[in-house]
Amino acid sequence: MGEAKRRKEALGDKYGKDQTIFPWLPITKAQGEQFVEWTTKGAWIGIGIMIAAWFTIRFIGPAFGWWEVY
């Protein structure tokens, strides 16, 4: 008997279903990985927006006289 058949017999009805991260939390491991991907992309987008805002305020703004730089 192969390993897959032994695992299928041991798990019973749970065989082939995604595992949850914690038994009391209804989030699967795949959903957890997807959450990490989305938050990582969001963080990089936020960093890019912050750099663009800094560049605008620091260099472009004073060129148009928005802020006095002493």
Protein backbone atom coordinates (compact mmCIF):
# COMPACT_ATOMS: atom_id res chain seq x y z
CA MET A 1 0.00 0.00 0.00
CA GLY A 2 1.36 3.40 -0.90
CA GLU A 3 1.83 6.43 1.29
CA ALA A 4 -1.12 8.27 -0.31
CA LYS A 5 -3.50 5.41 0.51
CA ARG A 6 -2.27 5.28 4.12
CA ARG A 7 -2.74 9.03 4.44
CA LYS A 8 -6.22 8.80 2.93
CA GLU A 9 -7.22 6.11 5.41
CA ALA A 10 -5.79 8.08 8.34
CA LEU A 11 -7.45 11.39 7.42
CA GLY A 12 -10.78 9.97 6.33
CA ASP A 13 -13.22 12.74 5.31
CA LYS A 14 -10.56 15.44 5.66
CA TYR A 15 -8.42 13.96 2.87
CA GLY A 16 -7.88 16.37 -0.03
CA LYS A 17 -9.23 19.43 1.80
CA ASP A 18 -7.13 22.47 2.66
CA GLN A 19 -5.77 22.49 6.18
CA THR A 20 -6.62 25.36 8.48
CA ILE A 21 -3.93 27.41 10.18
CA PHE A 22 -5.47 26.83 13.62
CA PRO A 23 -8.35 24.46 14.41
CA TRP A 24 -10.41 27.31 15.90
CA LEU A 25 -9.70 29.75 13.02
CA PRO A 26 -11.61 29.10 9.76
CA ILE A 27 -8.77 30.32 7.52
CA THR A 28 -6.91 27.87 5.30
CA LYS A 29 -3.20 27.91 4.65
CA ALA A 30 -3.80 28.99 1.03
CA GLN A 31 -5.86 31.97 2.24
CA GLY A 32 -3.06 32.87 4.67
CA GLU A 33 -0.50 32.83 1.87
CA GLN A 34 -2.76 34.98 -0.31
CA PHE A 35 -3.12 37.49 2.55
CA VAL A 36 0.67 37.74 2.85
CA GLU A 37 0.99 38.35 -0.92
CA TRP A 38 -1.64 41.12 -0.88
CA THR A 39 -0.17 42.87 2.16
CA THR A 40 3.34 42.72 0.72
CA LYS A 41 2.15 44.31 -2.54
CA GLY A 42 0.22 46.93 -0.56
CA ALA A 43 3.31 47.75 1.49
CA TRP A 44 5.42 48.29 -1.63
CA ILE A 45 2.72 50.48 -3.17
CA GLY A 46 2.63 52.53 0.04
CA ILE A 47 6.42 52.92 -0.01
CA GLY A 48 6.25 54.12 -3.62
CA ILE A 49 3.54 56.68 -2.80
CA MET A 50 5.54 57.90 0.20
CA ILE A 51 8.67 58.39 -1.97
CA ALA A 52 6.66 60.23 -4.64
CA ALA A 53 5.10 62.51 -2.01
CA TRP A 54 8.49 63.19 -0.42
CA PHE A 55 10.02 64.01 -3.80
CA THR A 56 7.15 66.36 -4.62
CA ILE A 57 7.27 68.17 -1.30
CA ARG A 58 11.07 68.34 -1.11
CA PHE A 59 12.01 69.31 -4.67
CA ILE A 60 9.03 70.25 -6.83
CA GLY A 61 7.13 72.27 -4.18
CA PRO A 62 9.93 74.77 -3.43
CA ALA A 63 10.56 75.25 -7.16
CA PHE A 64 7.01 76.63 -7.47
CA GLY A 65 7.32 78.66 -4.25
CA TRP A 66 4.96 76.53 -2.18
CA TRP A 67 7.31 76.39 0.80
CA GLU A 68 10.28 78.51 1.70
CA VAL A 69 13.43 76.49 2.19
CA TYR A 70 16.02 78.25 4.37
